[in-house]
PDB file of N, CA and C in Angstrom:
ATOM      1  N   MET A   1     150.281  62.379  68.653  1.00  0.00           N
ATOM      2  CA  MET A   1     148.882  62.710  68.420  1.00  0.00           C
ATOM      3  C   MET A   1     148.181  62.949  69.758  1.00  0.00           C
ATOM      4  N   THR A   2     147.333  63.919  69.785  1.00  0.00           N
ATOM      5  CA  THR A   2     146.627  64.299  70.997  1.00  0.00           C
ATOM      6  C   THR A   2     145.490  63.325  71.299  1.00  0.00           C
ATOM      7  N   GLU A   3     145.405  62.918  72.547  1.00  0.00           N
ATOM      8  CA  GLU A   3     144.261  62.128  73.000  1.00  0.00           C
ATOM      9  C   GLU A   3     143.185  63.118  73.433  1.00  0.00           C
ATOM     10  N   ILE A   4     141.988  62.967  72.878  1.00  0.00           N
ATOM     11  CA  ILE A   4     140.886  63.869  73.200  1.00  0.00           C
ATOM     12  C   ILE A   4     139.792  63.056  73.888  1.00  0.00           C
ATOM     13  N   VAL A   5     139.474  63.444  75.102  1.00  0.00           N
ATOM     14  CA  VAL A   5     138.395  62.785  75.840  1.00  0.00           C
ATOM     15  C   VAL A   5     137.368  63.838  76.232  1.00  0.00           C
ATOM     16  N   ILE A   6     136.219  63.380  76.641  1.00  0.00           N
ATOM     17  CA  ILE A   6     135.188  64.304  77.119  1.00  0.00           C
ATOM     18  C   ILE A   6     134.723  63.857  78.494  1.00  0.00           C
ATOM     19  N   LYS A   7     134.254  64.821  79.262  1.00  0.00           N
ATOM     20  CA  LYS A   7     133.641  64.498  80.551  1.00  0.00           C
ATOM     21  C   LYS A   7     132.802  65.681  81.011  1.00  0.00           C
ATOM     22  N   ARG A   8     131.903  65.370  81.903  1.00  0.00           N
ATOM     23  CA  ARG A   8     131.057  66.429  82.459  1.00  0.00           C
ATOM     24  C   ARG A   8     131.905  67.339  83.332  1.00  0.00           C
ATOM     25  N   VAL A   9     131.689  68.622  83.218  1.00  0.00           N
ATOM     26  CA  VAL A   9     132.451  69.604  83.968  1.00  0.00           C
ATOM     27  C   VAL A   9     132.231  69.454  85.473  1.00  0.00           C
ATOM     28  N   ARG A  10     131.123  68.849  85.874  1.00  0.00           N
ATOM     29  CA  ARG A  10     130.823  68.686  87.298  1.00  0.00           C
ATOM     30  C   ARG A  10     131.514  67.468  87.913  1.00  0.00           C
ATOM     31  N   GLU A  11     132.151  66.640  87.084  1.00  0.00           N
ATOM     32  CA  GLU A  11     132.939  65.533  87.614  1.00  0.00           C
ATOM     33  C   GLU A  11     134.211  66.096  88.233  1.00  0.00           C
ATOM     34  N   GLU A  12     134.721  65.401  89.231  1.00  0.00           N
ATOM     35  CA  GLU A  12     135.936  65.838  89.914  1.00  0.00           C
ATOM     36  C   GLU A  12     137.106  65.919  88.934  1.00  0.00           C
ATOM     37  N   PRO A  13     137.831  67.033  88.919  1.00  0.00           N
ATOM     38  CA  PRO A  13     139.018  67.121  88.065  1.00  0.00           C
ATOM     39  C   PRO A  13     140.042  66.050  88.463  1.00  0.00           C
ATOM     40  N   GLN A  14     140.723  65.512  87.476  1.00  0.00           N
ATOM     41  CA  GLN A  14     141.743  64.491  87.699  1.00  0.00           C
ATOM     42  C   GLN A  14     143.050  64.972  87.073  1.00  0.00           C
ATOM     43  N   GLU A  15     144.152  64.586  87.640  1.00  0.00           N
ATOM     44  CA  GLU A  15     145.449  64.970  87.085  1.00  0.00           C
ATOM     45  C   GLU A  15     145.609  64.460  85.661  1.00  0.00           C
ATOM     46  N   GLN A  16     145.066  63.272  85.377  1.00  0.00           N
ATOM     47  CA  GLN A  16     145.200  62.679  84.047  1.00  0.00           C
ATOM     48  C   GLN A  16     144.273  63.312  83.004  1.00  0.00           C
ATOM     49  N   ASP A  17     143.511  64.349  83.375  1.00  0.00           N
ATOM     50  CA  ASP A  17     142.655  65.040  82.409  1.00  0.00           C
ATOM     51  C   ASP A  17     143.468  65.788  81.352  1.00  0.00           C
ATOM     52  N   GLY A  18     144.687  66.139  81.668  1.00  0.00           N
ATOM     53  CA  GLY A  18     145.458  66.966  80.745  1.00  0.00           C
ATOM     54  C   GLY A  18     144.892  68.378  80.756  1.00  0.00           C
ATOM     55  N   VAL A  19     144.887  69.019  79.605  1.00  0.00           N
ATOM     56  CA  VAL A  19     144.338  70.368  79.501  1.00  0.00           C
ATOM     57  C   VAL A  19     142.815  70.271  79.504  1.00  0.00           C
ATOM     58  N   ARG A  20     142.172  70.975  80.421  1.00  0.00           N
ATOM     59  CA  ARG A  20     140.708  70.944  80.560  1.00  0.00           C
ATOM     60  C   ARG A  20     140.120  72.156  79.856  1.00  0.00           C
ATOM     61  N   ILE A  21     139.270  71.890  78.850  1.00  0.00           N
ATOM     62  CA  ILE A  21     138.695  72.959  78.038  1.00  0.00           C
ATOM     63  C   ILE A  21     137.173  72.891  78.098  1.00  0.00           C
ATOM     64  N   LEU A  22     136.557  73.934  78.609  1.00  0.00           N
ATOM     65  CA  LEU A  22     135.096  74.005  78.642  1.00  0.00           C
ATOM     66  C   LEU A  22     134.599  74.432  77.268  1.00  0.00           C
ATOM     67  N   VAL A  23     133.725  73.624  76.682  1.00  0.00           N
ATOM     68  CA  VAL A  23     133.243  73.896  75.323  1.00  0.00           C
ATOM     69  C   VAL A  23     131.744  74.176  75.285  1.00  0.00           C
ATOM     70  N   ASP A  24     131.182  74.617  76.386  1.00  0.00           N
ATOM     71  CA  ASP A  24     129.780  75.034  76.429  1.00  0.00           C
ATOM     72  C   ASP A  24     129.697  76.529  76.153  1.00  0.00           C
ATOM     73  N   ARG A  25     128.631  76.932  75.491  1.00  0.00           N
ATOM     74  CA  ARG A  25     128.437  78.356  75.194  1.00  0.00           C
ATOM     75  C   ARG A  25     128.129  79.131  76.481  1.00  0.00           C
ATOM     76  N   LEU A  26     127.425  78.529  77.407  1.00  0.00           N
ATOM     77  CA  LEU A  26     127.055  79.177  78.666  1.00  0.00           C
ATOM     78  C   LEU A  26     127.857  78.578  79.812  1.00  0.00           C
ATOM     79  N   TRP A  27     128.224  79.424  80.779  1.00  0.00           N
ATOM     80  CA  TRP A  27     128.913  78.901  81.960  1.00  0.00           C
ATOM     81  C   TRP A  27     127.913  78.066  82.761  1.00  0.00           C
ATOM     82  N   PRO A  28     128.332  76.890  83.260  1.00  0.00           N
ATOM     83  CA  PRO A  28     127.421  76.019  84.022  1.00  0.00           C
ATOM     84  C   PRO A  28     126.853  76.717  85.260  1.00  0.00           C
ATOM     85  N   ARG A  29     125.549  76.722  85.350  1.00  0.00           N
ATOM     86  CA  ARG A  29     124.855  77.392  86.446  1.00  0.00           C
ATOM     87  C   ARG A  29     125.247  76.781  87.792  1.00  0.00           C
ATOM     88  N   GLY A  30     125.601  77.645  88.729  1.00  0.00           N
ATOM     89  CA  GLY A  30     125.891  77.211  90.088  1.00  0.00           C
ATOM     90  C   GLY A  30     127.256  76.573  90.284  1.00  0.00           C
ATOM     91  N   LEU A  31     128.108  76.593  89.283  1.00  0.00           N
ATOM     92  CA  LEU A  31     129.436  75.985  89.385  1.00  0.00           C
ATOM     93  C   LEU A  31     130.495  77.084  89.455  1.00  0.00           C
ATOM     94  N   SER A  32     131.288  77.060  90.515  1.00  0.00           N
ATOM     95  CA  SER A  32     132.337  78.073  90.646  1.00  0.00           C
ATOM     96  C   SER A  32     133.489  77.769  89.699  1.00  0.00           C
ATOM     97  N   LYS A  33     134.214  78.786  89.332  1.00  0.00           N
ATOM     98  CA  LYS A  33     135.375  78.607  88.446  1.00  0.00           C
ATOM     99  C   LYS A  33     136.443  77.766  89.125  1.00  0.00           C
ATOM    100  N   ALA A  34     136.599  77.933  90.442  1.00  0.00           N
ATOM    101  CA  ALA A  34     137.604  77.158  91.167  1.00  0.00           C
ATOM    102  C   ALA A  34     137.260  75.664  91.138  1.00  0.00           C
ATOM    103  N   LYS A  35     135.999  75.335  91.361  1.00  0.00           N
ATOM    104  CA  LYS A  35     135.590  73.925  91.374  1.00  0.00           C
ATOM    105  C   LYS A  35     135.670  73.311  89.980  1.00  0.00           C
ATOM    106  N   ALA A  36     135.391  74.097  88.945  1.00  0.00           N
ATOM    107  CA  ALA A  36     135.424  73.591  87.578  1.00  0.00           C
ATOM    108  C   ALA A  36     136.847  73.280  87.132  1.00  0.00           C
ATOM    109  N   ASP A  37     137.810  74.029  87.639  1.00  0.00           N
ATOM    110  CA  ASP A  37     139.218  73.817  87.290  1.00  0.00           C
ATOM    111  C   ASP A  37     139.415  73.738  85.776  1.00  0.00           C
ATOM    112  N   VAL A  38     138.963  74.779  85.099  1.00  0.00           N
ATOM    113  CA  VAL A  38     139.025  74.846  83.638  1.00  0.00           C
ATOM    114  C   VAL A  38     140.297  75.575  83.226  1.00  0.00           C
ATOM    115  N   GLY A  39     141.063  74.964  82.316  1.00  0.00           N
ATOM    116  CA  GLY A  39     142.267  75.599  81.808  1.00  0.00           C
ATOM    117  C   GLY A  39     141.939  76.731  80.859  1.00  0.00           C
ATOM    118  N   CYS A  40     140.957  76.503  80.008  1.00  0.00           N
ATOM    119  CA  CYS A  40     140.477  77.563  79.118  1.00  0.00           C
ATOM    120  C   CYS A  40     139.043  77.242  78.719  1.00  0.00           C
ATOM    121  N   ARG A  41     138.436  78.213  78.105  1.00  0.00           N
ATOM    122  CA  ARG A  41     137.034  78.100  77.704  1.00  0.00           C
ATOM    123  C   ARG A  41     136.911  78.567  76.265  1.00  0.00           C
ATOM    124  N   VAL A  42     136.214  77.780  75.438  1.00  0.00           N
ATOM    125  CA  VAL A  42     136.018  78.136  74.033  1.00  0.00           C
ATOM    126  C   VAL A  42     134.518  78.035  73.726  1.00  0.00           C
ATOM    127  N   PRO A  43     133.735  79.027  74.200  1.00  0.00           N
ATOM    128  CA  PRO A  43     132.285  78.942  73.993  1.00  0.00           C
ATOM    129  C   PRO A  43     131.879  79.035  72.526  1.00  0.00           C
ATOM    130  N   GLU A  44     132.713  79.669  71.719  1.00  0.00           N
ATOM    131  CA  GLU A  44     132.376  79.827  70.307  1.00  0.00           C
ATOM    132  C   GLU A  44     132.438  78.514  69.529  1.00  0.00           C
ATOM    133  N   ALA A  45     133.058  77.480  70.106  1.00  0.00           N
ATOM    134  CA  ALA A  45     133.118  76.170  69.445  1.00  0.00           C
ATOM    135  C   ALA A  45     131.847  75.356  69.688  1.00  0.00           C
ATOM    136  N   ALA A  46     131.003  75.826  70.577  1.00  0.00           N
ATOM    137  CA  ALA A  46     129.732  75.147  70.868  1.00  0.00           C
ATOM    138  C   ALA A  46     128.728  75.439  69.751  1.00  0.00           C
ATOM    139  N   PRO A  47     127.646  74.683  69.705  1.00  0.00           N
ATOM    140  CA  PRO A  47     126.604  74.983  68.705  1.00  0.00           C
ATOM    141  C   PRO A  47     126.079  76.404  68.857  1.00  0.00           C
ATOM    142  N   SER A  48     125.629  76.968  67.760  1.00  0.00           N
ATOM    143  CA  SER A  48     125.053  78.309  67.796  1.00  0.00           C
ATOM    144  C   SER A  48     123.852  78.323  68.742  1.00  0.00           C
ATOM    145  N   PRO A  49     123.527  79.491  69.279  1.00  0.00           N
ATOM    146  CA  PRO A  49     122.352  79.562  70.156  1.00  0.00           C
ATOM    147  C   PRO A  49     121.081  79.045  69.473  1.00  0.00           C
ATOM    148  N   GLU A  50     120.938  79.327  68.191  1.00  0.00           N
ATOM    149  CA  GLU A  50     119.737  78.871  67.468  1.00  0.00           C
ATOM    150  C   GLU A  50     119.692  77.345  67.393  1.00  0.00           C
ATOM    151  N   LEU A  51     120.832  76.733  67.078  1.00  0.00           N
ATOM    152  CA  LEU A  51     120.880  75.272  66.979  1.00  0.00           C
ATOM    153  C   LEU A  51     120.684  74.635  68.342  1.00  0.00           C
ATOM    154  N   ARG A  52     121.307  75.194  69.359  1.00  0.00           N
ATOM    155  CA  ARG A  52     121.167  74.670  70.725  1.00  0.00           C
ATOM    156  C   ARG A  52     119.705  74.702  71.166  1.00  0.00           C
ATOM    157  N   LYS A  53     119.032  75.824  70.900  1.00  0.00           N
ATOM    158  CA  LYS A  53     117.624  75.943  71.289  1.00  0.00           C
ATOM    159  C   LYS A  53     116.747  74.993  70.476  1.00  0.00           C
ATOM    160  N   TRP A  54     117.042  74.842  69.192  1.00  0.00           N
ATOM    161  CA  TRP A  54     116.261  73.930  68.357  1.00  0.00           C
ATOM    162  C   TRP A  54     116.399  72.492  68.864  1.00  0.00           C
ATOM    163  N   PHE A  55     117.619  72.066  69.167  1.00  0.00           N
ATOM    164  CA  PHE A  55     117.856  70.691  69.631  1.00  0.00           C
ATOM    165  C   PHE A  55     117.190  70.436  70.977  1.00  0.00           C
ATOM    166  N   ASN A  56     117.366  71.351  71.913  1.00  0.00           N
ATOM    167  CA  ASN A  56     116.707  71.284  73.218  1.00  0.00           C
ATOM    168  C   ASN A  56     116.943  69.942  73.937  1.00  0.00           C
ATOM    169  N   HIS A  57     118.072  69.305  73.662  1.00  0.00           N
ATOM    170  CA  HIS A  57     118.447  68.019  74.274  1.00  0.00           C
ATOM    171  C   HIS A  57     117.393  66.934  74.051  1.00  0.00           C
ATOM    172  N   GLU A  58     116.756  66.960  72.887  1.00  0.00           N
ATOM    173  CA  GLU A  58     115.748  65.955  72.544  1.00  0.00           C
ATOM    174  C   GLU A  58     116.403  64.854  71.712  1.00  0.00           C
ATOM    175  N   PRO A  59     116.564  63.650  72.267  1.00  0.00           N
ATOM    176  CA  PRO A  59     117.221  62.562  71.544  1.00  0.00           C
ATOM    177  C   PRO A  59     116.607  62.262  70.170  1.00  0.00           C
ATOM    178  N   ALA A  60     115.339  62.509  69.986  1.00  0.00           N
ATOM    179  CA  ALA A  60     114.698  62.260  68.687  1.00  0.00           C
ATOM    180  C   ALA A  60     115.277  63.151  67.590  1.00  0.00           C
ATOM    181  N   LYS A  61     115.859  64.278  67.967  1.00  0.00           N
ATOM    182  CA  LYS A  61     116.450  65.207  67.003  1.00  0.00           C
ATOM    183  C   LYS A  61     117.956  64.981  66.823  1.00  0.00           C
ATOM    184  N   TRP A  62     118.499  63.970  67.466  1.00  0.00           N
ATOM    185  CA  TRP A  62     119.942  63.780  67.524  1.00  0.00           C
ATOM    186  C   TRP A  62     120.610  63.705  66.149  1.00  0.00           C
ATOM    187  N   GLU A  63     120.123  62.845  65.268  1.00  0.00           N
ATOM    188  CA  GLU A  63     120.781  62.652  63.970  1.00  0.00           C
ATOM    189  C   GLU A  63     120.849  63.963  63.176  1.00  0.00           C
ATOM    190  N   GLU A  64     119.754  64.707  63.168  1.00  0.00           N
ATOM    191  CA  GLU A  64     119.764  65.977  62.448  1.00  0.00           C
ATOM    192  C   GLU A  64     120.651  67.007  63.148  1.00  0.00           C
ATOM    193  N   PHE A  65     120.664  66.976  64.479  1.00  0.00           N
ATOM    194  CA  PHE A  65     121.536  67.867  65.233  1.00  0.00           C
ATOM    195  C   PHE A  65     123.000  67.608  64.876  1.00  0.00           C
ATOM    196  N   VAL A  66     123.380  66.335  64.789  1.00  0.00           N
ATOM    197  CA  VAL A  66     124.755  65.978  64.429  1.00  0.00           C
ATOM    198  C   VAL A  66     125.119  66.592  63.084  1.00  0.00           C
ATOM    199  N   GLU A  67     124.267  66.435  62.105  1.00  0.00           N
ATOM    200  CA  GLU A  67     124.522  66.981  60.765  1.00  0.00           C
ATOM    201  C   GLU A  67     124.644  68.506  60.794  1.00  0.00           C
ATOM    202  N   ARG A  68     123.710  69.153  61.476  1.00  0.00           N
ATOM    203  CA  ARG A  68     123.718  70.621  61.527  1.00  0.00           C
ATOM    204  C   ARG A  68     124.945  71.162  62.261  1.00  0.00           C
ATOM    205  N   TYR A  69     125.291  70.514  63.364  1.00  0.00           N
ATOM    206  CA  TYR A  69     126.435  70.991  64.139  1.00  0.00           C
ATOM    207  C   TYR A  69     127.737  70.763  63.367  1.00  0.00           C
ATOM    208  N   ARG A  70     127.891  69.631  62.719  1.00  0.00           N
ATOM    209  CA  ARG A  70     129.083  69.395  61.894  1.00  0.00           C
ATOM    210  C   ARG A  70     129.209  70.458  60.806  1.00  0.00           C
ATOM    211  N   ALA A  71     128.093  70.819  60.205  1.00  0.00           N
ATOM    212  CA  ALA A  71     128.117  71.873  59.179  1.00  0.00           C
ATOM    213  C   ALA A  71     128.570  73.191  59.797  1.00  0.00           C
ATOM    214  N   GLU A  72     128.091  73.500  61.001  1.00  0.00           N
ATOM    215  CA  GLU A  72     128.530  74.725  61.680  1.00  0.00           C
ATOM    216  C   GLU A  72     130.033  74.672  61.963  1.00  0.00           C
ATOM    217  N   LEU A  73     130.517  73.511  62.401  1.00  0.00           N
ATOM    218  CA  LEU A  73     131.932  73.391  62.727  1.00  0.00           C
ATOM    219  C   LEU A  73     132.828  73.669  61.524  1.00  0.00           C
ATOM    220  N   GLU A  74     132.379  73.253  60.351  1.00  0.00           N
ATOM    221  CA  GLU A  74     133.171  73.463  59.136  1.00  0.00           C
ATOM    222  C   GLU A  74     133.373  74.950  58.827  1.00  0.00           C
ATOM    223  N   GLU A  75     132.468  75.779  59.315  1.00  0.00           N
ATOM    224  CA  GLU A  75     132.543  77.223  59.072  1.00  0.00           C
ATOM    225  C   GLU A  75     132.982  77.999  60.315  1.00  0.00           C
ATOM    226  N   ASN A  76     133.389  77.302  61.360  1.00  0.00           N
ATOM    227  CA  ASN A  76     133.637  77.919  62.662  1.00  0.00           C
ATOM    228  C   ASN A  76     135.134  78.158  62.875  1.00  0.00           C
ATOM    229  N   SER A  77     135.561  79.407  62.855  1.00  0.00           N
ATOM    230  CA  SER A  77     136.982  79.724  63.024  1.00  0.00           C
ATOM    231  C   SER A  77     137.483  79.395  64.430  1.00  0.00           C
ATOM    232  N   ALA A  78     136.633  79.504  65.441  1.00  0.00           N
ATOM    233  CA  ALA A  78     137.044  79.170  66.808  1.00  0.00           C
ATOM    234  C   ALA A  78     137.323  77.673  66.926  1.00  0.00           C
ATOM    235  N   ALA A  79     136.511  76.857  66.279  1.00  0.00           N
ATOM    236  CA  ALA A  79     136.731  75.408  66.298  1.00  0.00           C
ATOM    237  C   ALA A  79     138.020  75.061  65.560  1.00  0.00           C
ATOM    238  N   ALA A  80     138.277  75.728  64.447  1.00  0.00           N
ATOM    239  CA  ALA A  80     139.513  75.493  63.691  1.00  0.00           C
ATOM    240  C   ALA A  80     140.732  75.893  64.522  1.00  0.00           C
ATOM    241  N   GLU A  81     140.630  77.010  65.225  1.00  0.00           N
ATOM    242  CA  GLU A  81     141.725  77.450  66.086  1.00  0.00           C
ATOM    243  C   GLU A  81     141.929  76.470  67.238  1.00  0.00           C
ATOM    244  N   LEU A  82     140.846  75.971  67.810  1.00  0.00           N
ATOM    245  CA  LEU A  82     140.937  74.973  68.869  1.00  0.00           C
ATOM    246  C   LEU A  82     141.649  73.723  68.351  1.00  0.00           C
ATOM    247  N   ALA A  83     141.305  73.281  67.161  1.00  0.00           N
ATOM    248  CA  ALA A  83     141.953  72.107  66.562  1.00  0.00           C
ATOM    249  C   ALA A  83     143.462  72.319  66.458  1.00  0.00           C
ATOM    250  N   ALA A  84     143.868  73.507  66.069  1.00  0.00           N
ATOM    251  CA  ALA A  84     145.295  73.803  65.943  1.00  0.00           C
ATOM    252  C   ALA A  84     145.976  73.859  67.308  1.00  0.00           C
ATOM    253  N   GLN A  85     145.299  74.410  68.293  1.00  0.00           N
ATOM    254  CA  GLN A  85     145.898  74.566  69.623  1.00  0.00           C
ATOM    255  C   GLN A  85     146.054  73.243  70.360  1.00  0.00           C
ATOM    256  N   ILE A  86     145.105  72.341  70.222  1.00  0.00           N
ATOM    257  CA  ILE A  86     145.188  71.104  71.002  1.00  0.00           C
ATOM    258  C   ILE A  86     146.300  70.182  70.521  1.00  0.00           C
ATOM    259  N   GLU A  87     146.776  70.388  69.309  1.00  0.00           N
ATOM    260  CA  GLU A  87     147.861  69.554  68.788  1.00  0.00           C
ATOM    261  C   GLU A  87     149.129  69.670  69.624  1.00  0.00           C
ATOM    262  N   ARG A  88     149.247  70.721  70.406  1.00  0.00           N
ATOM    263  CA  ARG A  88     150.437  70.953  71.232  1.00  0.00           C
ATOM    264  C   ARG A  88     150.410  70.180  72.549  1.00  0.00           C
ATOM    265  N   HIS A  89     149.311  69.479  72.812  1.00  0.00           N
ATOM    266  CA  HIS A  89     149.155  68.807  74.102  1.00  0.00           C
ATOM    267  C   HIS A  89     148.940  67.305  73.914  1.00  0.00           C
ATOM    268  N   PRO A  90     149.515  66.493  74.793  1.00  0.00           N
ATOM    269  CA  PRO A  90     149.321  65.043  74.656  1.00  0.00           C
ATOM    270  C   PRO A  90     147.900  64.593  74.996  1.00  0.00           C
ATOM    271  N   LYS A  91     147.252  65.310  75.919  1.00  0.00           N
ATOM    272  CA  LYS A  91     145.883  64.939  76.290  1.00  0.00           C
ATOM    273  C   LYS A  91     145.062  66.181  76.561  1.00  0.00           C
ATOM    274  N   VAL A  92     143.831  66.173  76.041  1.00  0.00           N
ATOM    275  CA  VAL A  92     142.887  67.264  76.215  1.00  0.00           C
ATOM    276  C   VAL A  92     141.561  66.665  76.663  1.00  0.00           C
ATOM    277  N   THR A  93     140.943  67.286  77.653  1.00  0.00           N
ATOM    278  CA  THR A  93     139.612  66.877  78.088  1.00  0.00           C
ATOM    279  C   THR A  93     138.640  68.006  77.769  1.00  0.00           C
ATOM    280  N   LEU A  94     137.682  67.698  76.904  1.00  0.00           N
ATOM    281  CA  LEU A  94     136.623  68.655  76.580  1.00  0.00           C
ATOM    282  C   LEU A  94     135.545  68.522  77.644  1.00  0.00           C
ATOM    283  N   LEU A  95     135.181  69.620  78.246  1.00  0.00           N
ATOM    284  CA  LEU A  95     134.200  69.629  79.330  1.00  0.00           C
ATOM    285  C   LEU A  95     132.873  70.187  78.843  1.00  0.00           C
ATOM    286  N   TYR A  96     131.795  69.541  79.273  1.00  0.00           N
ATOM    287  CA  TYR A  96     130.447  69.977  78.930  1.00  0.00           C
ATOM    288  C   TYR A  96     129.578  69.823  80.165  1.00  0.00           C
ATOM    289  N   ASP A  97     128.401  70.430  80.169  1.00  0.00           N
ATOM    290  CA  ASP A  97     127.539  70.377  81.353  1.00  0.00           C
ATOM    291  C   ASP A  97     126.251  69.591  81.144  1.00  0.00           C
ATOM    292  N   ALA A  98     125.950  69.185  79.931  1.00  0.00           N
ATOM    293  CA  ALA A  98     124.696  68.464  79.677  1.00  0.00           C
ATOM    294  C   ALA A  98     124.617  67.195  80.529  1.00  0.00           C
ATOM    295  N   LYS A  99     123.414  66.880  80.987  1.00  0.00           N
ATOM    296  CA  LYS A  99     123.219  65.671  81.786  1.00  0.00           C
ATOM    297  C   LYS A  99     123.244  64.413  80.923  1.00  0.00           C
ATOM    298  N   ASP A 100     122.829  64.534  79.681  1.00  0.00           N
ATOM    299  CA  ASP A 100     122.774  63.396  78.770  1.00  0.00           C
ATOM    300  C   ASP A 100     124.178  63.122  78.225  1.00  0.00           C
ATOM    301  N   THR A 101     124.742  61.995  78.606  1.00  0.00           N
ATOM    302  CA  THR A 101     126.106  61.670  78.192  1.00  0.00           C
ATOM    303  C   THR A 101     126.166  61.026  76.803  1.00  0.00           C
ATOM    304  N   LYS A 102     125.024  60.720  76.219  1.00  0.00           N
ATOM    305  CA  LYS A 102     124.983  60.072  74.896  1.00  0.00           C
ATOM    306  C   LYS A 102     124.537  61.006  73.783  1.00  0.00           C
ATOM    307  N   HIS A 103     123.944  62.132  74.138  1.00  0.00           N
ATOM    308  CA  HIS A 103     123.428  63.076  73.146  1.00  0.00           C
ATOM    309  C   HIS A 103     123.850  64.496  73.523  1.00  0.00           C
ATOM    310  N   ASN A 104     125.122  64.809  73.316  1.00  0.00           N
ATOM    311  CA  ASN A 104     125.587  66.158  73.610  1.00  0.00           C
ATOM    312  C   ASN A 104     126.637  66.573  72.595  1.00  0.00           C
ATOM    313  N   HIS A 105     126.799  67.858  72.437  1.00  0.00           N
ATOM    314  CA  HIS A 105     127.667  68.396  71.394  1.00  0.00           C
ATOM    315  C   HIS A 105     129.138  68.050  71.587  1.00  0.00           C
ATOM    316  N   ALA A 106     129.572  67.787  72.815  1.00  0.00           N
ATOM    317  CA  ALA A 106     130.986  67.480  73.049  1.00  0.00           C
ATOM    318  C   ALA A 106     131.401  66.192  72.336  1.00  0.00           C
ATOM    319  N   LEU A 107     130.486  65.248  72.214  1.00  0.00           N
ATOM    320  CA  LEU A 107     130.775  64.009  71.472  1.00  0.00           C
ATOM    321  C   LEU A 107     131.100  64.321  70.015  1.00  0.00           C
ATOM    322  N   ILE A 108     130.306  65.190  69.434  1.00  0.00           N
ATOM    323  CA  ILE A 108     130.480  65.557  68.026  1.00  0.00           C
ATOM    324  C   ILE A 108     131.758  66.368  67.858  1.00  0.00           C
ATOM    325  N   LEU A 109     131.983  67.307  68.753  1.00  0.00           N
ATOM    326  CA  LEU A 109     133.173  68.146  68.681  1.00  0.00           C
ATOM    327  C   LEU A 109     134.438  67.299  68.834  1.00  0.00           C
ATOM    328  N   ARG A 110     134.435  66.361  69.776  1.00  0.00           N
ATOM    329  CA  ARG A 110     135.596  65.477  69.953  1.00  0.00           C
ATOM    330  C   ARG A 110     135.921  64.745  68.654  1.00  0.00           C
ATOM    331  N   ASP A 111     134.903  64.150  68.031  1.00  0.00           N
ATOM    332  CA  ASP A 111     135.123  63.407  66.787  1.00  0.00           C
ATOM    333  C   ASP A 111     135.591  64.321  65.666  1.00  0.00           C
ATOM    334  N   TRP A 112     135.025  65.512  65.588  1.00  0.00           N
ATOM    335  CA  TRP A 112     135.420  66.473  64.557  1.00  0.00           C
ATOM    336  C   TRP A 112     136.879  66.898  64.741  1.00  0.00           C
ATOM    337  N   LEU A 113     137.260  67.172  65.983  1.00  0.00           N
ATOM    338  CA  LEU A 113     138.650  67.565  66.275  1.00  0.00           C
ATOM    339  C   LEU A 113     139.623  66.435  65.956  1.00  0.00           C
ATOM    340  N   ALA A 114     139.248  65.209  66.295  1.00  0.00           N
ATOM    341  CA  ALA A 114     140.097  64.050  65.992  1.00  0.00           C
ATOM    342  C   ALA A 114     140.272  63.897  64.480  1.00  0.00           C
ATOM    343  N   TYR A 115     139.206  64.115  63.738  1.00  0.00           N
ATOM    344  CA  TYR A 115     139.264  64.030  62.283  1.00  0.00           C
ATOM    345  C   TYR A 115     140.177  65.129  61.710  1.00  0.00           C
ATOM    346  N   GLN A 116     140.099  66.322  62.282  1.00  0.00           N
ATOM    347  CA  GLN A 116     140.936  67.430  61.825  1.00  0.00           C
ATOM    348  C   GLN A 116     142.420  67.126  62.055  1.00  0.00           C
ATOM    349  N   ALA A 117     142.700  66.412  63.151  1.00  0.00           N
ATOM    350  CA  ALA A 117     144.082  66.082  63.497  1.00  0.00           C
ATOM    351  C   ALA A 117     144.639  64.990  62.595  1.00  0.00           C
ATOM    352  N   GLY A 118     143.728  64.264  61.984  1.00  0.00           N
ATOM    353  CA  GLY A 118     144.121  63.344  61.124  1.00  0.00           C
ATOM    354  C   GLY A 118     144.386  62.169  60.602  1.00  0.00           C
TER     355      GLY A 118
END
């Protein structure tokens, strides 16, 4: 079974990260591709632009954001493909750029992917 962890893309890459996958819809501003050390990028697995703008990183909207994003994931072919691809790796690190480590979409995506795996 694949171990799925999350971390901020601006943290130093570590050998134990396994496959590093950026799951933000937008490339992190001011971060070079070399410094990010991203194995692949799946922007389509991130929340839709409308949902991202509605949430606006406001913790008061967190519970509803979780529900809305999970609903999007259920209909998201890129997320389903990501779930299938990560099964081939012992460890995957989902990378995100949000400053808030407690209220970000990577937490939800990690849990959703783990549930898909089974």
